[in-house]
Every structure is written in C-alpha cells, then in structure tokens.
C-alpha cells in the first residue's frame, strides 16, 4: 500500500472516530496570554489523541508523512479554536457596543420632556 493510500485511510479513520480530541478550557477570549495557552492546549490535545494512532507511523515508507499529518491536524484544530475565539470576541464587542448605546439612550430619555424653567 502506498503512503498516499495510507494517508487517505488514516484521514478517514480519524474523521470517523467518535473519540476526537476535546479541549475543555475556560479562558478569557480577550486575554492574549490565555489565548496562547489554549492554543498550546489544543496542540497537546491533538498529540495525546494521535498517540492512539501512533502504530500507523511505522506503516509509512516515509514516516514524515505521518508526522506532517499530525502537524496539519494541529493546525486545523488551532484554526477552529481561533474561529471560536474570534466569534467570542465579536460577541463581546457587540455586547459592549449595545451597552454603550443603551447608556446613551437612557441619558437622553432622562432629559426628554423635562422643563428646566
């Protein structure tokens, strides 16, 4: 079996595995240090998960293909995590913008219709 066929099989096996890596972290999406930590946690989660597939590495004529698969998987997970962080940051920005609008609307309502004479 060629390395290309093996990588296709491995990709399909990982895709259909019900025990995909899980990242269970609570963090502040506005804190750059927390974001870096969760991205490293994502890398470690993929490494721990891929340990169960490590026997596949020996099947490849060129083991670096397996290693690159793991790196690509880590980059995909990082991309997914970054997308979730961006969505959370947008939500926070939208909420803060909405709060500022509400505060400015409230102050206008207070003065509306009041006779200062």
PDB file of N, CA and C in Angstrom:
ATOM      1  N   UNK A   1       0.855  -1.169   0.000  1.00  0.00           N
ATOM      2  CA  UNK A   1       0.000   0.000   0.000  1.00  0.00           C
ATOM      3  C   UNK A   1       0.905   1.238   0.000  1.00  0.00           C
ATOM      4  N   UNK A   2       0.563   2.206  -0.819  1.00  0.00           N
ATOM      5  CA  UNK A   2       1.379   3.420  -0.916  1.00  0.00           C
ATOM      6  C   UNK A   2       1.099   4.361   0.258  1.00  0.00           C
ATOM      7  N   UNK A   3       2.024   5.296   0.459  1.00  0.00           N
ATOM      8  CA  UNK A   3       1.842   6.280   1.525  1.00  0.00           C
ATOM      9  C   UNK A   3       0.599   7.123   1.292  1.00  0.00           C
ATOM     10  N   UNK A   4       0.284   7.393   0.037  1.00  0.00           N
ATOM     11  CA  UNK A   4      -0.902   8.204  -0.265  1.00  0.00           C
ATOM     12  C   UNK A   4      -2.176   7.455   0.097  1.00  0.00           C
ATOM     13  N   UNK A   5      -2.191   6.157  -0.159  1.00  0.00           N
ATOM     14  CA  UNK A   5      -3.350   5.354   0.229  1.00  0.00           C
ATOM     15  C   UNK A   5      -3.451   5.267   1.754  1.00  0.00           C
ATOM     16  N   UNK A   6      -2.298   5.126   2.408  1.00  0.00           N
ATOM     17  CA  UNK A   6      -2.287   5.078   3.873  1.00  0.00           C
ATOM     18  C   UNK A   6      -2.796   6.381   4.483  1.00  0.00           C
ATOM     19  N   UNK A   7      -2.368   7.495   3.932  1.00  0.00           N
ATOM     20  CA  UNK A   7      -2.804   8.778   4.494  1.00  0.00           C
ATOM     21  C   UNK A   7      -4.304   8.964   4.293  1.00  0.00           C
ATOM     22  N   UNK A   8      -4.825   8.487   3.159  1.00  0.00           N
ATOM     23  CA  UNK A   8      -6.274   8.540   2.935  1.00  0.00           C
ATOM     24  C   UNK A   8      -7.011   7.683   3.959  1.00  0.00           C
ATOM     25  N   UNK A   9      -6.490   6.487   4.229  1.00  0.00           N
ATOM     26  CA  UNK A   9      -7.110   5.609   5.222  1.00  0.00           C
ATOM     27  C   UNK A   9      -7.060   6.219   6.619  1.00  0.00           C
ATOM     28  N   UNK A  10      -5.898   6.758   6.966  1.00  0.00           N
ATOM     29  CA  UNK A  10      -5.747   7.379   8.287  1.00  0.00           C
ATOM     30  C   UNK A  10      -6.682   8.579   8.428  1.00  0.00           C
ATOM     31  N   UNK A  11      -6.754   9.388   7.401  1.00  0.00           N
ATOM     32  CA  UNK A  11      -7.645  10.551   7.426  1.00  0.00           C
ATOM     33  C   UNK A  11      -9.086  10.112   7.651  1.00  0.00           C
ATOM     34  N   UNK A  12      -9.509   9.093   6.932  1.00  0.00           N
ATOM     35  CA  UNK A  12     -10.881   8.587   7.068  1.00  0.00           C
ATOM     36  C   UNK A  12     -11.108   7.992   8.461  1.00  0.00           C
ATOM     37  N   UNK A  13     -10.131   7.261   8.973  1.00  0.00           N
ATOM     38  CA  UNK A  13     -10.262   6.656  10.303  1.00  0.00           C
ATOM     39  C   UNK A  13     -10.386   7.731  11.377  1.00  0.00           C
ATOM     40  N   UNK A  14      -9.563   8.761  11.291  1.00  0.00           N
ATOM     41  CA  UNK A  14      -9.615   9.856  12.266  1.00  0.00           C
ATOM     42  C   UNK A  14     -10.929  10.610  12.131  1.00  0.00           C
ATOM     43  N   UNK A  15     -11.346  10.860  10.919  1.00  0.00           N
ATOM     44  CA  UNK A  15     -12.590  11.603  10.676  1.00  0.00           C
ATOM     45  C   UNK A  15     -13.800  10.867  11.250  1.00  0.00           C
ATOM     46  N   UNK A  16     -13.791   9.535  11.169  1.00  0.00           N
ATOM     47  CA  UNK A  16     -14.936   8.743  11.628  1.00  0.00           C
ATOM     48  C   UNK A  16     -14.826   8.301  13.082  1.00  0.00           C
ATOM     49  N   UNK A  17     -13.747   8.654  13.748  1.00  0.00           N
ATOM     50  CA  UNK A  17     -13.553   8.267  15.137  1.00  0.00           C
ATOM     51  C   UNK A  17     -14.455   9.105  16.037  1.00  0.00           C
ATOM     52  N   UNK A  18     -15.181   8.426  16.899  1.00  0.00           N
ATOM     53  CA  UNK A  18     -16.102   9.146  17.792  1.00  0.00           C
ATOM     54  C   UNK A  18     -15.381   9.764  18.990  1.00  0.00           C
ATOM     55  N   UNK A  19     -14.130   9.427  19.181  1.00  0.00           N
ATOM     56  CA  UNK A  19     -13.370   9.936  20.332  1.00  0.00           C
ATOM     57  C   UNK A  19     -12.371  11.008  19.892  1.00  0.00           C
ATOM     58  N   UNK A  20     -12.847  12.008  19.204  1.00  0.00           N
ATOM     59  CA  UNK A  20     -11.984  13.097  18.737  1.00  0.00           C
ATOM     60  C   UNK A  20     -11.436  13.879  19.930  1.00  0.00           C
ATOM     61  N   UNK A  21     -10.326  14.576  19.731  1.00  0.00           N
ATOM     62  CA  UNK A  21      -9.759  15.351  20.848  1.00  0.00           C
ATOM     63  C   UNK A  21     -10.723  16.433  21.319  1.00  0.00           C
ATOM     64  N   UNK A  22     -10.729  16.630  22.625  1.00  0.00           N
ATOM     65  CA  UNK A  22     -11.612  17.622  23.233  1.00  0.00           C
ATOM     66  C   UNK A  22     -10.752  18.587  24.033  1.00  0.00           C
ATOM     67  N   UNK A  23     -11.060  19.859  23.896  1.00  0.00           N
ATOM     68  CA  UNK A  23     -10.365  20.887  24.665  1.00  0.00           C
ATOM     69  C   UNK A  23     -11.374  21.458  25.647  1.00  0.00           C
ATOM     70  N   UNK A  24     -11.146  21.202  26.909  1.00  0.00           N
ATOM     71  CA  UNK A  24     -12.062  21.685  27.948  1.00  0.00           C
ATOM     72  C   UNK A  24     -11.348  22.754  28.763  1.00  0.00           C
ATOM     73  N   UNK A  25     -11.368  23.955  28.263  1.00  0.00           N
ATOM     74  CA  UNK A  25     -10.710  25.070  28.929  1.00  0.00           C
ATOM     75  C   UNK A  25     -11.676  26.239  29.031  1.00  0.00           C
ATOM     76  N   UNK A  26     -11.658  26.889  30.156  1.00  0.00           N
ATOM     77  CA  UNK A  26     -12.356  28.163  30.307  1.00  0.00           C
ATOM     78  C   UNK A  26     -11.276  29.231  30.303  1.00  0.00           C
ATOM     79  N   UNK A  27     -11.479  30.245  29.486  1.00  0.00           N
ATOM     80  CA  UNK A  27     -10.473  31.296  29.393  1.00  0.00           C
ATOM     81  C   UNK A  27     -11.128  32.568  28.912  1.00  0.00           C
ATOM     82  N   UNK A  28     -10.433  33.651  29.113  1.00  0.00           N
ATOM     83  CA  UNK A  28     -10.901  34.964  28.688  1.00  0.00           C
ATOM     84  C   UNK A  28     -10.474  35.174  27.237  1.00  0.00           C
ATOM     85  N   UNK A  29     -11.415  35.245  26.289  1.00  0.00           N
ATOM     86  CA  UNK A  29     -11.058  35.408  24.881  1.00  0.00           C
ATOM     87  C   UNK A  29     -10.478  36.780  24.553  1.00  0.00           C
ATOM     88  N   UNK A  30     -10.432  37.663  25.527  1.00  0.00           N
ATOM     89  CA  UNK A  30      -9.825  38.981  25.315  1.00  0.00           C
ATOM     90  C   UNK A  30      -8.407  39.048  25.875  1.00  0.00           C
ATOM     91  N   UNK A  31      -7.956  37.962  26.492  1.00  0.00           N
ATOM     92  CA  UNK A  31      -6.626  37.917  27.105  1.00  0.00           C
ATOM     93  C   UNK A  31      -5.664  37.181  26.174  1.00  0.00           C
ATOM     94  N   UNK A  32      -4.678  37.895  25.592  1.00  0.00           N
ATOM     95  CA  UNK A  32      -3.765  37.259  24.639  1.00  0.00           C
ATOM     96  C   UNK A  32      -2.952  36.109  25.245  1.00  0.00           C
ATOM     97  N   UNK A  33      -2.619  36.202  26.525  1.00  0.00           N
ATOM     98  CA  UNK A  33      -1.868  35.124  27.176  1.00  0.00           C
ATOM     99  C   UNK A  33      -2.751  33.881  27.295  1.00  0.00           C
ATOM    100  N   UNK A  34      -3.992  34.077  27.696  1.00  0.00           N
ATOM    101  CA  UNK A  34      -4.929  32.957  27.812  1.00  0.00           C
ATOM    102  C   UNK A  34      -5.162  32.305  26.454  1.00  0.00           C
ATOM    103  N   UNK A  35      -5.223  33.110  25.409  1.00  0.00           N
ATOM    104  CA  UNK A  35      -5.414  32.578  24.056  1.00  0.00           C
ATOM    105  C   UNK A  35      -4.216  31.708  23.672  1.00  0.00           C
ATOM    106  N   UNK A  36      -3.019  32.177  23.941  1.00  0.00           N
ATOM    107  CA  UNK A  36      -1.809  31.401  23.616  1.00  0.00           C
ATOM    108  C   UNK A  36      -1.812  30.085  24.377  1.00  0.00           C
ATOM    109  N   UNK A  37      -2.212  30.123  25.629  1.00  0.00           N
ATOM    110  CA  UNK A  37      -2.244  28.902  26.446  1.00  0.00           C
ATOM    111  C   UNK A  37      -3.250  27.911  25.868  1.00  0.00           C
ATOM    112  N   UNK A  38      -4.419  28.372  25.494  1.00  0.00           N
ATOM    113  CA  UNK A  38      -5.428  27.450  24.970  1.00  0.00           C
ATOM    114  C   UNK A  38      -4.993  26.887  23.610  1.00  0.00           C
ATOM    115  N   UNK A  39      -4.257  27.651  22.824  1.00  0.00           N
ATOM    116  CA  UNK A  39      -3.752  27.125  21.556  1.00  0.00           C
ATOM    117  C   UNK A  39      -2.713  26.027  21.799  1.00  0.00           C
ATOM    118  N   UNK A  40      -1.882  26.209  22.819  1.00  0.00           N
ATOM    119  CA  UNK A  40      -0.932  25.147  23.162  1.00  0.00           C
ATOM    120  C   UNK A  40      -1.665  23.924  23.713  1.00  0.00           C
ATOM    121  N   UNK A  41      -2.711  24.144  24.480  1.00  0.00           N
ATOM    122  CA  UNK A  41      -3.529  23.034  24.961  1.00  0.00           C
ATOM    123  C   UNK A  41      -4.139  22.274  23.792  1.00  0.00           C
ATOM    124  N   UNK A  42      -4.534  22.979  22.754  1.00  0.00           N
ATOM    125  CA  UNK A  42      -5.079  22.332  21.562  1.00  0.00           C
ATOM    126  C   UNK A  42      -4.019  21.433  20.921  1.00  0.00           C
ATOM    127  N   UNK A  43      -2.797  21.939  20.828  1.00  0.00           N
ATOM    128  CA  UNK A  43      -1.698  21.127  20.282  1.00  0.00           C
ATOM    129  C   UNK A  43      -1.511  19.848  21.098  1.00  0.00           C
ATOM    130  N   UNK A  44      -1.497  19.988  22.422  1.00  0.00           N
ATOM    131  CA  UNK A  44      -1.296  18.828  23.291  1.00  0.00           C
ATOM    132  C   UNK A  44      -2.466  17.848  23.183  1.00  0.00           C
ATOM    133  N   UNK A  45      -3.674  18.372  23.034  1.00  0.00           N
ATOM    134  CA  UNK A  45      -4.848  17.502  22.891  1.00  0.00           C
ATOM    135  C   UNK A  45      -4.722  16.651  21.626  1.00  0.00           C
ATOM    136  N   UNK A  46      -4.265  17.257  20.549  1.00  0.00           N
ATOM    137  CA  UNK A  46      -4.078  16.508  19.302  1.00  0.00           C
ATOM    138  C   UNK A  46      -2.968  15.473  19.479  1.00  0.00           C
ATOM    139  N   UNK A  47      -1.861  15.870  20.114  1.00  0.00           N
ATOM    140  CA  UNK A  47      -0.766  14.918  20.338  1.00  0.00           C
ATOM    141  C   UNK A  47      -1.229  13.725  21.172  1.00  0.00           C
ATOM    142  N   UNK A  48      -1.980  13.999  22.246  1.00  0.00           N
ATOM    143  CA  UNK A  48      -2.495  12.902  23.085  1.00  0.00           C
ATOM    144  C   UNK A  48      -3.436  12.009  22.286  1.00  0.00           C
ATOM    145  N   UNK A  49      -4.286  12.627  21.499  1.00  0.00           N
ATOM    146  CA  UNK A  49      -5.234  11.871  20.685  1.00  0.00           C
ATOM    147  C   UNK A  49      -4.501  11.015  19.654  1.00  0.00           C
ATOM    148  N   UNK A  50      -3.523  11.585  18.990  1.00  0.00           N
ATOM    149  CA  UNK A  50      -2.818  10.869  17.928  1.00  0.00           C
ATOM    150  C   UNK A  50      -1.940   9.744  18.471  1.00  0.00           C
ATOM    151  N   UNK A  51      -1.697   9.712  19.764  1.00  0.00           N
ATOM    152  CA  UNK A  51      -0.929   8.619  20.346  1.00  0.00           C
ATOM    153  C   UNK A  51      -1.613   7.275  20.078  1.00  0.00           C
ATOM    154  N   UNK A  52      -2.926   7.273  20.020  1.00  0.00           N
ATOM    155  CA  UNK A  52      -3.633   6.021  19.758  1.00  0.00           C
ATOM    156  C   UNK A  52      -3.457   5.551  18.312  1.00  0.00           C
ATOM    157  N   UNK A  53      -3.013   6.455  17.439  1.00  0.00           N
ATOM    158  CA  UNK A  53      -2.792   6.125  16.030  1.00  0.00           C
ATOM    159  C   UNK A  53      -1.307   5.964  15.714  1.00  0.00           C
ATOM    160  N   UNK A  54      -0.464   6.014  16.726  1.00  0.00           N
ATOM    161  CA  UNK A  54       0.986   6.035  16.503  1.00  0.00           C
ATOM    162  C   UNK A  54       1.510   4.795  15.778  1.00  0.00           C
ATOM    163  N   UNK A  55       0.825   3.672  15.889  1.00  0.00           N
ATOM    164  CA  UNK A  55       1.280   2.462  15.178  1.00  0.00           C
ATOM    165  C   UNK A  55       1.214   2.641  13.664  1.00  0.00           C
ATOM    166  N   UNK A  56       0.407   3.580  13.217  1.00  0.00           N
ATOM    167  CA  UNK A  56       0.316   3.851  11.782  1.00  0.00           C
ATOM    168  C   UNK A  56       1.625   4.416  11.243  1.00  0.00           C
ATOM    169  N   UNK A  57       2.364   5.132  12.079  1.00  0.00           N
ATOM    170  CA  UNK A  57       3.599   5.775  11.619  1.00  0.00           C
ATOM    171  C   UNK A  57       4.551   4.764  10.983  1.00  0.00           C
ATOM    172  N   UNK A  58       4.639   3.572  11.575  1.00  0.00           N
ATOM    173  CA  UNK A  58       5.549   2.537  11.072  1.00  0.00           C
ATOM    174  C   UNK A  58       5.108   1.951   9.730  1.00  0.00           C
ATOM    175  N   UNK A  59       3.861   2.145   9.364  1.00  0.00           N
ATOM    176  CA  UNK A  59       3.354   1.617   8.096  1.00  0.00           C
ATOM    177  C   UNK A  59       3.807   2.440   6.894  1.00  0.00           C
ATOM    178  N   UNK A  60       4.184   3.684   7.145  1.00  0.00           N
ATOM    179  CA  UNK A  60       4.572   4.575   6.055  1.00  0.00           C
ATOM    180  C   UNK A  60       6.010   4.312   5.626  1.00  0.00           C
ATOM    181  N   UNK A  61       6.238   4.321   4.315  1.00  0.00           N
ATOM    182  CA  UNK A  61       7.602   4.233   3.797  1.00  0.00           C
ATOM    183  C   UNK A  61       8.385   5.469   4.218  1.00  0.00           C
ATOM    184  N   UNK A  62       7.695   6.609   4.235  1.00  0.00           N
ATOM    185  CA  UNK A  62       8.289   7.871   4.684  1.00  0.00           C
ATOM    186  C   UNK A  62       7.515   8.326   5.925  1.00  0.00           C
ATOM    187  N   UNK A  63       8.026   8.038   7.131  1.00  0.00           N
ATOM    188  CA  UNK A  63       7.311   8.386   8.372  1.00  0.00           C
ATOM    189  C   UNK A  63       7.028   9.876   8.527  1.00  0.00           C
ATOM    190  N   UNK A  64       7.749  10.721   7.801  1.00  0.00           N
ATOM    191  CA  UNK A  64       7.486  12.160   7.910  1.00  0.00           C
ATOM    192  C   UNK A  64       6.095  12.508   7.382  1.00  0.00           C
ATOM    193  N   UNK A  65       5.532  11.659   6.542  1.00  0.00           N
ATOM    194  CA  UNK A  65       4.162  11.892   6.060  1.00  0.00           C
ATOM    195  C   UNK A  65       3.184  11.809   7.230  1.00  0.00           C
ATOM    196  N   UNK A  66       3.388  10.827   8.096  1.00  0.00           N
ATOM    197  CA  UNK A  66       2.560  10.717   9.306  1.00  0.00           C
ATOM    198  C   UNK A  66       2.777  11.943  10.198  1.00  0.00           C
ATOM    199  N   UNK A  67       4.035  12.320  10.390  1.00  0.00           N
ATOM    200  CA  UNK A  67       4.353  13.482  11.228  1.00  0.00           C
ATOM    201  C   UNK A  67       3.695  14.747  10.684  1.00  0.00           C
ATOM    202  N   UNK A  68       3.724  14.906   9.373  1.00  0.00           N
ATOM    203  CA  UNK A  68       3.077  16.069   8.746  1.00  0.00           C
ATOM    204  C   UNK A  68       1.567  16.021   8.905  1.00  0.00           C
ATOM    205  N   UNK A  69       1.001  14.813   8.892  1.00  0.00           N
ATOM    206  CA  UNK A  69      -0.433  14.659   9.127  1.00  0.00           C
ATOM    207  C   UNK A  69      -0.787  15.196  10.513  1.00  0.00           C
ATOM    208  N   UNK A  70       0.027  14.829  11.511  1.00  0.00           N
ATOM    209  CA  UNK A  70      -0.222  15.293  12.882  1.00  0.00           C
ATOM    210  C   UNK A  70      -0.113  16.816  12.937  1.00  0.00           C
ATOM    211  N   UNK A  71       0.906  17.379  12.306  1.00  0.00           N
ATOM    212  CA  UNK A  71       1.067  18.842  12.294  1.00  0.00           C
ATOM    213  C   UNK A  71      -0.108  19.529  11.591  1.00  0.00           C
ATOM    214  N   UNK A  72      -0.548  18.953  10.474  1.00  0.00           N
ATOM    215  CA  UNK A  72      -1.701  19.516   9.766  1.00  0.00           C
ATOM    216  C   UNK A  72      -2.957  19.456  10.633  1.00  0.00           C
ATOM    217  N   UNK A  73      -3.115  18.360  11.354  1.00  0.00           N
ATOM    218  CA  UNK A  73      -4.257  18.203  12.247  1.00  0.00           C
ATOM    219  C   UNK A  73      -4.206  19.273  13.339  1.00  0.00           C
ATOM    220  N   UNK A  74      -3.015  19.500  13.894  1.00  0.00           N
ATOM    221  CA  UNK A  74      -2.871  20.543  14.912  1.00  0.00           C
ATOM    222  C   UNK A  74      -3.223  21.915  14.340  1.00  0.00           C
ATOM    223  N   UNK A  75      -2.792  22.195  13.139  1.00  0.00           N
ATOM    224  CA  UNK A  75      -3.080  23.496  12.523  1.00  0.00           C
ATOM    225  C   UNK A  75      -4.574  23.655  12.264  1.00  0.00           C
ATOM    226  N   UNK A  76      -5.244  22.560  11.877  1.00  0.00           N
ATOM    227  CA  UNK A  76      -6.692  22.620  11.661  1.00  0.00           C
ATOM    228  C   UNK A  76      -7.415  22.897  12.976  1.00  0.00           C
ATOM    229  N   UNK A  77      -7.004  22.217  14.034  1.00  0.00           N
ATOM    230  CA  UNK A  77      -7.636  22.430  15.341  1.00  0.00           C
ATOM    231  C   UNK A  77      -7.371  23.854  15.818  1.00  0.00           C
ATOM    232  N   UNK A  78      -6.130  24.343  15.631  1.00  0.00           N
ATOM    233  CA  UNK A  78      -5.820  25.730  16.007  1.00  0.00           C
ATOM    234  C   UNK A  78      -6.707  26.709  15.236  1.00  0.00           C
ATOM    235  N   UNK A  79      -6.899  26.454  13.959  1.00  0.00           N
ATOM    236  CA  UNK A  79      -7.744  27.326  13.132  1.00  0.00           C
ATOM    237  C   UNK A  79      -9.178  27.326  13.670  1.00  0.00           C
ATOM    238  N   UNK A  80      -9.690  26.147  14.028  1.00  0.00           N
ATOM    239  CA  UNK A  80     -11.047  26.048  14.579  1.00  0.00           C
ATOM    240  C   UNK A  80     -11.155  26.798  15.903  1.00  0.00           C
ATOM    241  N   UNK A  81     -10.141  26.650  16.762  1.00  0.00           N
ATOM    242  CA  UNK A  81     -10.142  27.346  18.053  1.00  0.00           C
ATOM    243  C   UNK A  81     -10.088  28.858  17.832  1.00  0.00           C
ATOM    244  N   UNK A  82      -9.241  29.295  16.902  1.00  0.00           N
ATOM    245  CA  UNK A  82      -9.144  30.729  16.613  1.00  0.00           C
ATOM    246  C   UNK A  82     -10.467  31.271  16.080  1.00  0.00           C
ATOM    247  N   UNK A  83     -11.188  30.484  15.295  1.00  0.00           N
ATOM    248  CA  UNK A  83     -12.501  30.912  14.791  1.00  0.00           C
ATOM    249  C   UNK A  83     -13.487  31.093  15.945  1.00  0.00           C
ATOM    250  N   UNK A  84     -13.445  30.157  16.903  1.00  0.00           N
ATOM    251  CA  UNK A  84     -14.328  30.276  18.064  1.00  0.00           C
ATOM    252  C   UNK A  84     -13.953  31.491  18.904  1.00  0.00           C
ATOM    253  N   UNK A  85     -12.661  31.749  19.049  1.00  0.00           N
ATOM    254  CA  UNK A  85     -12.207  32.912  19.809  1.00  0.00           C
ATOM    255  C   UNK A  85     -12.650  34.194  19.118  1.00  0.00           C
ATOM    256  N   UNK A  86     -12.520  34.244  17.799  1.00  0.00           N
ATOM    257  CA  UNK A  86     -12.942  35.428  17.053  1.00  0.00           C
ATOM    258  C   UNK A  86     -14.441  35.659  17.206  1.00  0.00           C
ATOM    259  N   UNK A  87     -15.213  34.579  17.193  1.00  0.00           N
ATOM    260  CA  UNK A  87     -16.667  34.708  17.370  1.00  0.00           C
ATOM    261  C   UNK A  87     -16.982  35.234  18.772  1.00  0.00           C
ATOM    262  N   UNK A  88     -16.265  34.742  19.775  1.00  0.00           N
ATOM    263  CA  UNK A  88     -16.478  35.222  21.149  1.00  0.00           C
ATOM    264  C   UNK A  88     -16.081  36.681  21.278  1.00  0.00           C
ATOM    265  N   UNK A  89     -14.968  37.063  20.662  1.00  0.00           N
ATOM    266  CA  UNK A  89     -14.525  38.456  20.708  1.00  0.00           C
ATOM    267  C   UNK A  89     -15.536  39.375  20.026  1.00  0.00           C
ATOM    268  N   UNK A  90     -16.091  38.925  18.905  1.00  0.00           N
ATOM    269  CA  UNK A  90     -17.103  39.719  18.196  1.00  0.00           C
ATOM    270  C   UNK A  90     -18.358  39.869  19.065  1.00  0.00           C
ATOM    271  N   UNK A  91     -18.756  38.774  19.705  1.00  0.00           N
ATOM    272  CA  UNK A  91     -19.919  38.818  20.580  1.00  0.00           C
ATOM    273  C   UNK A  91     -19.702  39.827  21.707  1.00  0.00           C
ATOM    274  N   UNK A  92     -18.519  39.782  22.322  1.00  0.00           N
ATOM    275  CA  UNK A  92     -18.203  40.709  23.413  1.00  0.00           C
ATOM    276  C   UNK A  92     -18.221  42.148  22.905  1.00  0.00           C
ATOM    277  N   UNK A  93     -17.615  42.390  21.743  1.00  0.00           N
ATOM    278  CA  UNK A  93     -17.581  43.739  21.176  1.00  0.00           C
ATOM    279  C   UNK A  93     -18.996  44.230  20.871  1.00  0.00           C
ATOM    280  N   UNK A  94     -19.815  43.336  20.312  1.00  0.00           N
ATOM    281  CA  UNK A  94     -21.204  43.705  20.007  1.00  0.00           C
ATOM    282  C   UNK A  94     -21.979  44.034  21.280  1.00  0.00           C
ATOM    283  N   UNK A  95     -21.780  43.227  22.314  1.00  0.00           N
ATOM    284  CA  UNK A  95     -22.463  43.474  23.587  1.00  0.00           C
ATOM    285  C   UNK A  95     -22.000  44.786  24.212  1.00  0.00           C
ATOM    286  N   UNK A  96     -20.710  45.040  24.168  1.00  0.00           N
ATOM    287  CA  UNK A  96     -20.197  46.300  24.718  1.00  0.00           C
ATOM    288  C   UNK A  96     -20.746  47.481  23.934  1.00  0.00           C
ATOM    289  N   UNK A  97     -20.814  47.347  22.620  1.00  0.00           N
ATOM    290  CA  UNK A  97     -21.393  48.405  21.784  1.00  0.00           C
ATOM    291  C   UNK A  97     -22.858  48.615  22.096  1.00  0.00           C
ATOM    292  N   UNK A  98     -23.578  47.529  22.324  1.00  0.00           N
ATOM    293  CA  UNK A  98     -25.004  47.615  22.644  1.00  0.00           C
ATOM    294  C   UNK A  98     -25.190  48.275  24.002  1.00  0.00           C
ATOM    295  N   UNK A  99     -24.325  47.937  24.973  1.00  0.00           N
ATOM    296  CA  UNK A  99     -24.411  48.551  26.295  1.00  0.00           C
ATOM    297  C   UNK A  99     -24.165  50.048  26.223  1.00  0.00           C
ATOM    298  N   UNK A 100     -23.188  50.462  25.410  1.00  0.00           N
ATOM    299  CA  UNK A 100     -22.898  51.889  25.262  1.00  0.00           C
ATOM    300  C   UNK A 100     -24.081  52.606  24.617  1.00  0.00           C
ATOM    301  N   UNK A 101     -24.725  51.967  23.643  1.00  0.00           N
ATOM    302  CA  UNK A 101     -25.909  52.560  23.008  1.00  0.00           C
ATOM    303  C   UNK A 101     -27.041  52.694  24.018  1.00  0.00           C
ATOM    304  N   UNK A 102     -27.226  51.650  24.838  1.00  0.00           N
ATOM    305  CA  UNK A 102     -28.279  51.681  25.851  1.00  0.00           C
ATOM    306  C   UNK A 102     -28.031  52.808  26.852  1.00  0.00           C
ATOM    307  N   UNK A 103     -26.786  52.986  27.266  1.00  0.00           N
ATOM    308  CA  UNK A 103     -26.460  54.045  28.218  1.00  0.00           C
ATOM    309  C   UNK A 103     -26.713  55.418  27.624  1.00  0.00           C
ATOM    310  N   UNK A 104     -26.357  55.615  26.373  1.00  0.00           N
ATOM    311  CA  UNK A 104     -26.581  56.920  25.755  1.00  0.00           C
ATOM    312  C   UNK A 104     -28.076  57.148  25.527  1.00  0.00           C
ATOM    313  N   UNK A 105     -28.823  56.105  25.214  1.00  0.00           N
ATOM    314  CA  UNK A 105     -30.272  56.233  25.046  1.00  0.00           C
ATOM    315  C   UNK A 105     -30.938  56.568  26.378  1.00  0.00           C
ATOM    316  N   UNK A 106     -30.474  55.951  27.456  1.00  0.00           N
ATOM    317  CA  UNK A 106     -31.055  56.197  28.781  1.00  0.00           C
ATOM    318  C   UNK A 106     -30.851  57.647  29.202  1.00  0.00           C
ATOM    319  N   UNK A 107     -29.688  58.185  28.944  1.00  0.00           N
ATOM    320  CA  UNK A 107     -29.414  59.553  29.370  1.00  0.00           C
ATOM    321  C   UNK A 107     -30.269  60.534  28.571  1.00  0.00           C
ATOM    322  N   UNK A 108     -30.538  60.247  27.302  1.00  0.00           N
ATOM    323  CA  UNK A 108     -31.394  61.107  26.500  1.00  0.00           C
ATOM    324  C   UNK A 108     -32.838  61.052  26.998  1.00  0.00           C
ATOM    325  N   UNK A 109     -33.294  59.887  27.416  1.00  0.00           N
ATOM    326  CA  UNK A 109     -34.663  59.736  27.898  1.00  0.00           C
ATOM    327  C   UNK A 109     -34.872  60.508  29.196  1.00  0.00           C
ATOM    328  N   UNK A 110     -33.873  60.578  30.023  1.00  0.00           N
ATOM    329  CA  UNK A 110     -33.987  61.257  31.301  1.00  0.00           C
ATOM    330  C   UNK A 110     -34.275  62.748  31.101  1.00  0.00           C
ATOM    331  N   UNK A 111     -33.624  63.353  30.117  1.00  0.00           N
ATOM    332  CA  UNK A 111     -33.774  64.791  29.896  1.00  0.00           C
ATOM    333  C   UNK A 111     -34.937  65.131  28.991  1.00  0.00           C
ATOM    334  N   UNK A 112     -35.426  64.165  28.298  1.00  0.00           N
ATOM    335  CA  UNK A 112     -36.505  64.422  27.342  1.00  0.00           C
ATOM    336  C   UNK A 112     -37.786  64.814  28.084  1.00  0.00           C
ATOM    337  N   UNK A 113     -38.375  65.881  27.667  1.00  0.00           N
ATOM    338  CA  UNK A 113     -39.642  66.329  28.214  1.00  0.00           C
ATOM    339  C   UNK A 113     -39.546  67.018  29.559  1.00  0.00           C
ATOM    340  N   UNK A 114     -38.369  67.246  30.040  1.00  0.00           N
ATOM    341  CA  UNK A 114     -38.193  67.901  31.331  1.00  0.00           C
ATOM    342  C   UNK A 114     -38.077  69.402  31.089  1.00  0.00           C
ATOM    343  N   UNK A 115     -38.833  70.168  31.814  1.00  0.00           N
ATOM    344  CA  UNK A 115     -38.818  71.608  31.675  1.00  0.00           C
ATOM    345  C   UNK A 115     -37.856  72.170  32.709  1.00  0.00           C
ATOM    346  N   UNK A 116     -36.782  72.808  32.236  1.00  0.00           N
ATOM    347  CA  UNK A 116     -35.748  73.331  33.136  1.00  0.00           C
ATOM    348  C   UNK A 116     -36.083  74.700  33.695  1.00  0.00           C
ATOM    349  N   UNK A 117     -37.194  75.292  33.320  1.00  0.00           N
ATOM    350  CA  UNK A 117     -37.516  76.648  33.799  1.00  0.00           C
ATOM    351  C   UNK A 117     -38.142  76.633  35.160  1.00  0.00           C
TER     352      UNK A 117
END
